[in-house]
Protein backbone atom coordinates (compact mmCIF):
# COMPACT_ATOMS: atom_id res chain seq x y z
CA UNK A 1 0.00 0.00 0.00
CA UNK A 2 1.39 3.36 -0.95
CA UNK A 3 -0.28 5.33 1.85
CA UNK A 4 0.83 3.87 5.16
CA UNK A 5 0.29 5.27 8.63
CA UNK A 6 3.85 6.61 8.73
CA UNK A 7 3.44 8.44 5.43
CA UNK A 8 0.22 10.07 6.64
CA UNK A 9 1.84 11.13 9.90
CA UNK A 10 4.75 12.63 7.99
CA UNK A 11 2.42 14.58 5.69
CA UNK A 12 0.32 15.92 8.56
CA UNK A 13 3.33 16.81 10.70
CA UNK A 14 4.95 18.66 7.80
CA UNK A 15 1.88 20.55 6.56
CA UNK A 16 -0.54 20.47 9.49
CA UNK A 17 -0.23 21.57 13.08
CA UNK A 18 0.88 18.16 14.37
CA UNK A 19 1.07 14.54 13.26
CA UNK A 20 -2.28 13.71 14.88
CA UNK A 21 -4.17 16.83 13.76
CA UNK A 22 -5.77 15.60 10.55
CA UNK A 23 -8.47 18.24 10.31
CA UNK A 24 -6.51 21.25 9.15
CA UNK A 25 -7.13 22.39 5.62
CA UNK A 26 -3.41 22.45 4.82
CA UNK A 27 -2.95 18.85 5.98
CA UNK A 28 -5.91 17.61 3.98
CA UNK A 29 -4.78 19.50 0.88
CA UNK A 30 -1.31 17.99 1.21
CA UNK A 31 -2.77 14.49 1.61
CA UNK A 32 -5.02 14.96 -1.42
CA UNK A 33 -2.04 16.21 -3.43
CA UNK A 34 -0.04 13.10 -2.48
CA UNK A 35 -2.92 10.86 -3.52
CA UNK A 36 -3.49 12.81 -6.75
CA UNK A 37 0.18 12.44 -7.71
CA UNK A 38 0.04 8.70 -7.04
CA UNK A 39 -3.14 8.22 -9.10
CA UNK A 40 -1.70 10.31 -11.93
CA UNK A 41 1.33 8.02 -12.13
CA UNK A 42 -0.97 4.99 -12.06
CA UNK A 43 -3.05 6.37 -14.93
CA UNK A 44 0.05 6.99 -17.03
CA UNK A 45 0.69 3.23 -16.98
CA UNK A 46 -2.97 2.11 -17.05
CA UNK A 47 -4.77 4.55 -19.25
CA UNK A 48 -7.97 2.49 -19.53
CA UNK A 49 -8.57 2.34 -15.80
CA UNK A 50 -11.71 4.47 -15.78
CA UNK A 51 -12.59 3.87 -12.12
CA UNK A 52 -9.27 5.35 -11.06
CA UNK A 53 -9.79 8.22 -13.46
CA UNK A 54 -13.14 8.98 -11.82
CA UNK A 55 -11.56 8.82 -8.37
CA UNK A 56 -8.85 11.21 -9.51
CA UNK A 57 -11.40 13.73 -10.78
CA UNK A 58 -13.31 13.54 -7.48
CA UNK A 59 -10.11 14.07 -5.48
CA UNK A 60 -9.16 17.08 -7.59
CA UNK A 61 -12.62 18.53 -6.95
CA UNK A 62 -12.31 18.01 -3.20
CA UNK A 63 -8.89 19.63 -3.15
CA UNK A 64 -10.19 22.53 -5.24
CA UNK A 65 -13.08 23.16 -2.85
CA UNK A 66 -10.72 23.09 0.15
CA UNK A 67 -8.41 25.52 -1.62
CA UNK A 68 -11.36 27.81 -2.39
CA UNK A 69 -12.42 27.70 1.26
CA UNK A 70 -8.90 28.49 2.41
CA UNK A 71 -8.63 31.34 -0.09
CA UNK A 72 -11.91 32.80 1.15
CA UNK A 73 -11.03 32.57 4.85
CA UNK A 74 -7.27 33.18 5.04
CA UNK A 75 -5.40 34.28 1.91
CA UNK A 76 -1.94 34.08 3.50
CA UNK A 77 -2.36 30.41 4.45
CA UNK A 78 -3.69 29.77 0.93
CA UNK A 79 -0.67 31.37 -0.70
CA UNK A 80 1.71 29.50 1.61
CA UNK A 81 0.25 26.07 0.86
CA UNK A 82 0.13 26.79 -2.89
CA UNK A 83 3.81 27.75 -2.88
CA UNK A 84 4.83 24.86 -0.66
CA UNK A 85 3.10 22.15 -2.70
CA UNK A 86 3.66 23.71 -6.10
CA UNK A 87 -0.01 23.70 -7.03
CA UNK A 88 -1.15 26.02 -9.77
CA UNK A 89 -4.67 27.27 -10.25
């Protein structure tokens, strides 16, 4: 499995407030970005996997809505997470 407990803890400790605080927008956005990158690599090798393609589109939508929320509430945190993860709008 590509997403183990240790990987999640590392993502949340790096981008969230702590390793156990999984509710912050930055932590969730970072986790979604990790999953999106993994699914993108999978789809490059398996281009007819339509279920994974649908999951990828749903994840991108979830991340987009979290980014929109963060932009609306706190623009500095939004700009920081965009720069840190290298996401473009």
